[in-house]
């Protein structure tokens, strides 16, 4: 699954267009490498997002098979790292 699609599907970012813009602005990294929108996400990847207030780190636990998942199941797909 593409990084922009994954970010919106697991409710890390609200809309896919915002996720795409963030990837194009080079604020999203996968395993320490700046991501391109076409980059696929794999289980175990470490994703970093550079917000104005600081960095957020996430780990991919699962890849969703549907367009979106319920917010209550977010913890099954992504883990926020400290």
N, C-alpha and C. Protein backbone atom coordinates (compact mmCIF):
# COMPACT_ATOMS: atom_id res chain seq x y z
N UNK A 1 0.85 -1.17 0.00
CA UNK A 1 0.00 0.00 0.00
C UNK A 1 0.90 1.24 0.00
N UNK A 2 0.51 2.24 -0.77
CA UNK A 2 1.27 3.48 -0.86
C UNK A 2 1.26 4.22 0.48
N UNK A 3 2.33 4.97 0.74
CA UNK A 3 2.47 5.66 2.03
C UNK A 3 1.34 6.65 2.27
N UNK A 4 0.96 7.44 1.26
CA UNK A 4 -0.10 8.42 1.46
C UNK A 4 -1.44 7.75 1.74
N UNK A 5 -1.68 6.66 1.08
CA UNK A 5 -2.93 5.91 1.29
C UNK A 5 -2.93 5.26 2.67
N UNK A 6 -1.79 4.71 3.09
CA UNK A 6 -1.69 4.07 4.40
C UNK A 6 -1.91 5.08 5.52
N UNK A 7 -1.28 6.25 5.42
CA UNK A 7 -1.42 7.28 6.45
C UNK A 7 -2.88 7.67 6.67
N UNK A 8 -3.65 7.78 5.59
CA UNK A 8 -5.06 8.15 5.74
C UNK A 8 -5.91 6.94 6.14
N UNK A 9 -5.57 5.75 5.66
CA UNK A 9 -6.38 4.56 5.96
C UNK A 9 -6.34 4.20 7.44
N UNK A 10 -5.18 4.40 8.09
CA UNK A 10 -5.05 4.02 9.50
C UNK A 10 -5.29 5.21 10.43
N UNK A 11 -5.80 6.29 9.89
CA UNK A 11 -6.21 7.47 10.66
C UNK A 11 -5.05 8.20 11.34
N UNK A 12 -3.86 8.16 10.76
CA UNK A 12 -2.75 8.97 11.25
C UNK A 12 -2.96 10.40 10.76
N UNK A 13 -3.37 10.53 9.50
CA UNK A 13 -3.69 11.82 8.89
C UNK A 13 -5.13 11.74 8.37
N UNK A 14 -5.90 12.80 8.57
CA UNK A 14 -7.34 12.75 8.30
C UNK A 14 -7.72 12.48 6.85
N UNK A 15 -7.05 13.14 5.90
CA UNK A 15 -7.43 12.97 4.50
C UNK A 15 -6.22 12.60 3.65
N UNK A 16 -6.48 11.84 2.59
CA UNK A 16 -5.40 11.39 1.72
C UNK A 16 -4.73 12.55 1.00
N UNK A 17 -5.49 13.58 0.65
CA UNK A 17 -4.89 14.72 -0.03
C UNK A 17 -3.87 15.42 0.88
N UNK A 18 -4.19 15.51 2.16
CA UNK A 18 -3.24 16.10 3.11
C UNK A 18 -2.01 15.20 3.22
N UNK A 19 -2.22 13.90 3.28
CA UNK A 19 -1.10 12.95 3.35
C UNK A 19 -0.21 13.09 2.11
N UNK A 20 -0.82 13.21 0.94
CA UNK A 20 -0.05 13.38 -0.30
C UNK A 20 0.76 14.67 -0.27
N UNK A 21 0.15 15.75 0.19
CA UNK A 21 0.85 17.03 0.28
C UNK A 21 2.03 16.94 1.25
N UNK A 22 1.84 16.24 2.36
CA UNK A 22 2.93 16.09 3.33
C UNK A 22 4.09 15.30 2.74
N UNK A 23 3.77 14.26 1.99
CA UNK A 23 4.82 13.45 1.35
C UNK A 23 5.57 14.30 0.32
N UNK A 24 4.82 15.07 -0.48
CA UNK A 24 5.45 15.93 -1.50
C UNK A 24 6.31 17.02 -0.85
N UNK A 25 5.95 17.45 0.36
CA UNK A 25 6.71 18.49 1.07
C UNK A 25 7.92 17.93 1.81
N UNK A 26 8.18 16.64 1.65
CA UNK A 26 9.34 15.98 2.26
C UNK A 26 9.34 16.02 3.78
N UNK A 27 8.18 15.86 4.39
CA UNK A 27 8.13 15.80 5.86
C UNK A 27 7.85 14.39 6.36
N UNK A 28 7.73 13.43 5.43
CA UNK A 28 7.46 12.03 5.80
C UNK A 28 8.68 11.19 5.41
N UNK A 29 9.17 10.40 6.37
CA UNK A 29 10.30 9.51 6.12
C UNK A 29 9.90 8.07 6.46
N UNK A 30 10.43 7.13 5.69
CA UNK A 30 10.24 5.71 5.97
C UNK A 30 11.63 5.13 6.21
N UNK A 31 11.83 4.59 7.41
CA UNK A 31 13.12 4.02 7.80
C UNK A 31 14.27 5.00 7.59
N UNK A 32 14.03 6.28 7.89
CA UNK A 32 15.08 7.29 7.80
C UNK A 32 15.30 7.89 6.43
N UNK A 33 14.54 7.47 5.43
CA UNK A 33 14.69 7.97 4.06
C UNK A 33 13.42 8.74 3.69
N UNK A 34 13.60 9.95 3.13
CA UNK A 34 12.45 10.75 2.72
C UNK A 34 11.61 9.94 1.73
N UNK A 35 10.30 9.90 1.99
CA UNK A 35 9.40 9.07 1.19
C UNK A 35 8.87 9.81 -0.02
N UNK A 36 8.63 9.07 -1.09
CA UNK A 36 7.90 9.58 -2.24
C UNK A 36 6.50 8.98 -2.16
N UNK A 37 5.52 9.63 -2.80
CA UNK A 37 4.13 9.19 -2.70
C UNK A 37 3.94 7.76 -3.19
N UNK A 38 4.76 7.32 -4.12
CA UNK A 38 4.61 5.98 -4.68
C UNK A 38 5.27 4.90 -3.83
N UNK A 39 5.97 5.28 -2.77
CA UNK A 39 6.68 4.31 -1.92
C UNK A 39 5.69 3.42 -1.18
N UNK A 40 5.90 2.13 -1.24
CA UNK A 40 5.03 1.18 -0.56
C UNK A 40 5.49 0.97 0.88
N UNK A 41 4.52 0.75 1.75
CA UNK A 41 4.77 0.52 3.17
C UNK A 41 4.73 -0.99 3.42
N UNK A 42 5.63 -1.46 4.27
CA UNK A 42 5.66 -2.87 4.64
C UNK A 42 5.56 -2.99 6.16
N UNK A 43 5.13 -4.14 6.63
CA UNK A 43 5.02 -4.38 8.07
C UNK A 43 6.42 -4.26 8.68
N UNK A 44 6.50 -3.53 9.79
CA UNK A 44 7.76 -3.32 10.48
C UNK A 44 8.46 -2.02 10.11
N UNK A 45 7.99 -1.32 9.08
CA UNK A 45 8.59 -0.04 8.69
C UNK A 45 8.40 0.99 9.79
N UNK A 46 9.39 1.87 9.95
CA UNK A 46 9.32 2.98 10.90
C UNK A 46 9.05 4.26 10.09
N UNK A 47 7.98 4.95 10.42
CA UNK A 47 7.59 6.16 9.71
C UNK A 47 7.76 7.35 10.64
N UNK A 48 8.38 8.40 10.12
CA UNK A 48 8.58 9.63 10.88
C UNK A 48 7.90 10.77 10.13
N UNK A 49 7.13 11.58 10.87
CA UNK A 49 6.48 12.75 10.30
C UNK A 49 7.00 13.97 11.04
N UNK A 50 7.47 14.96 10.28
CA UNK A 50 8.01 16.18 10.87
C UNK A 50 6.91 17.24 10.94
N UNK A 51 6.30 17.38 12.11
CA UNK A 51 5.32 18.43 12.33
C UNK A 51 6.05 19.69 12.80
N UNK A 52 5.36 20.83 12.78
CA UNK A 52 5.96 22.07 13.26
C UNK A 52 6.33 21.99 14.74
N UNK A 53 5.55 21.24 15.51
CA UNK A 53 5.79 21.12 16.95
C UNK A 53 6.81 20.05 17.29
N UNK A 54 7.23 19.26 16.33
CA UNK A 54 8.20 18.21 16.60
C UNK A 54 7.96 16.98 15.74
N UNK A 55 8.71 15.95 16.01
CA UNK A 55 8.63 14.71 15.24
C UNK A 55 7.66 13.73 15.88
N UNK A 56 6.98 12.96 15.05
CA UNK A 56 6.16 11.84 15.49
C UNK A 56 6.69 10.59 14.79
N UNK A 57 6.85 9.53 15.55
CA UNK A 57 7.37 8.27 15.02
C UNK A 57 6.30 7.19 15.14
N UNK A 58 6.15 6.41 14.07
CA UNK A 58 5.16 5.34 14.04
C UNK A 58 5.80 4.07 13.51
N UNK A 59 5.23 2.93 13.92
CA UNK A 59 5.64 1.63 13.39
C UNK A 59 4.44 0.98 12.74
N UNK A 60 4.65 0.41 11.55
CA UNK A 60 3.58 -0.27 10.81
C UNK A 60 3.42 -1.67 11.39
N UNK A 61 2.22 -1.98 11.88
CA UNK A 61 1.94 -3.31 12.43
C UNK A 61 1.20 -4.19 11.44
N UNK A 62 0.29 -3.59 10.65
CA UNK A 62 -0.49 -4.32 9.65
C UNK A 62 -0.78 -3.39 8.48
N UNK A 63 -1.11 -3.99 7.36
CA UNK A 63 -1.54 -3.23 6.19
C UNK A 63 -3.05 -3.47 6.04
N UNK A 64 -3.86 -2.41 6.07
CA UNK A 64 -5.31 -2.60 5.94
C UNK A 64 -5.70 -3.11 4.55
N UNK A 65 -6.74 -3.90 4.51
CA UNK A 65 -7.23 -4.41 3.23
C UNK A 65 -8.39 -3.58 2.69
N UNK A 66 -8.90 -2.66 3.51
CA UNK A 66 -9.99 -1.79 3.09
C UNK A 66 -9.50 -0.35 2.99
N UNK A 67 -10.33 0.52 2.43
CA UNK A 67 -9.96 1.91 2.23
C UNK A 67 -9.69 2.63 3.55
N UNK A 68 -10.50 2.38 4.55
CA UNK A 68 -10.30 2.96 5.88
C UNK A 68 -10.62 1.90 6.93
N UNK A 69 -10.13 2.16 8.13
CA UNK A 69 -10.44 1.27 9.25
C UNK A 69 -11.14 2.09 10.32
N UNK A 70 -11.90 1.45 11.20
CA UNK A 70 -12.51 2.20 12.31
C UNK A 70 -11.43 2.76 13.23
N UNK A 71 -11.65 3.94 13.77
CA UNK A 71 -10.68 4.55 14.67
C UNK A 71 -10.40 3.68 15.88
N UNK A 72 -11.37 2.88 16.29
CA UNK A 72 -11.19 2.02 17.46
C UNK A 72 -10.17 0.91 17.20
N UNK A 73 -9.89 0.59 15.93
CA UNK A 73 -8.95 -0.47 15.59
C UNK A 73 -7.59 0.06 15.15
N UNK A 74 -7.36 1.35 15.32
CA UNK A 74 -6.10 1.96 14.90
C UNK A 74 -4.89 1.28 15.54
N UNK A 75 -5.00 0.90 16.81
CA UNK A 75 -3.87 0.28 17.52
C UNK A 75 -3.45 -1.06 16.94
N UNK A 76 -4.30 -1.69 16.16
CA UNK A 76 -3.95 -2.97 15.52
C UNK A 76 -3.07 -2.75 14.29
N UNK A 77 -3.08 -1.53 13.73
CA UNK A 77 -2.39 -1.26 12.48
C UNK A 77 -1.16 -0.38 12.63
N UNK A 78 -1.14 0.45 13.67
CA UNK A 78 -0.02 1.38 13.85
C UNK A 78 0.26 1.56 15.33
N UNK A 79 1.57 1.71 15.65
CA UNK A 79 1.97 1.97 17.03
C UNK A 79 2.80 3.24 17.02
N UNK A 80 2.44 4.18 17.91
CA UNK A 80 3.21 5.41 18.03
C UNK A 80 4.41 5.14 18.92
N UNK A 81 5.59 5.47 18.43
CA UNK A 81 6.83 5.25 19.16
C UNK A 81 7.22 6.54 19.88
N UNK A 82 7.94 6.41 20.96
CA UNK A 82 8.36 7.60 21.72
C UNK A 82 9.75 8.03 21.34
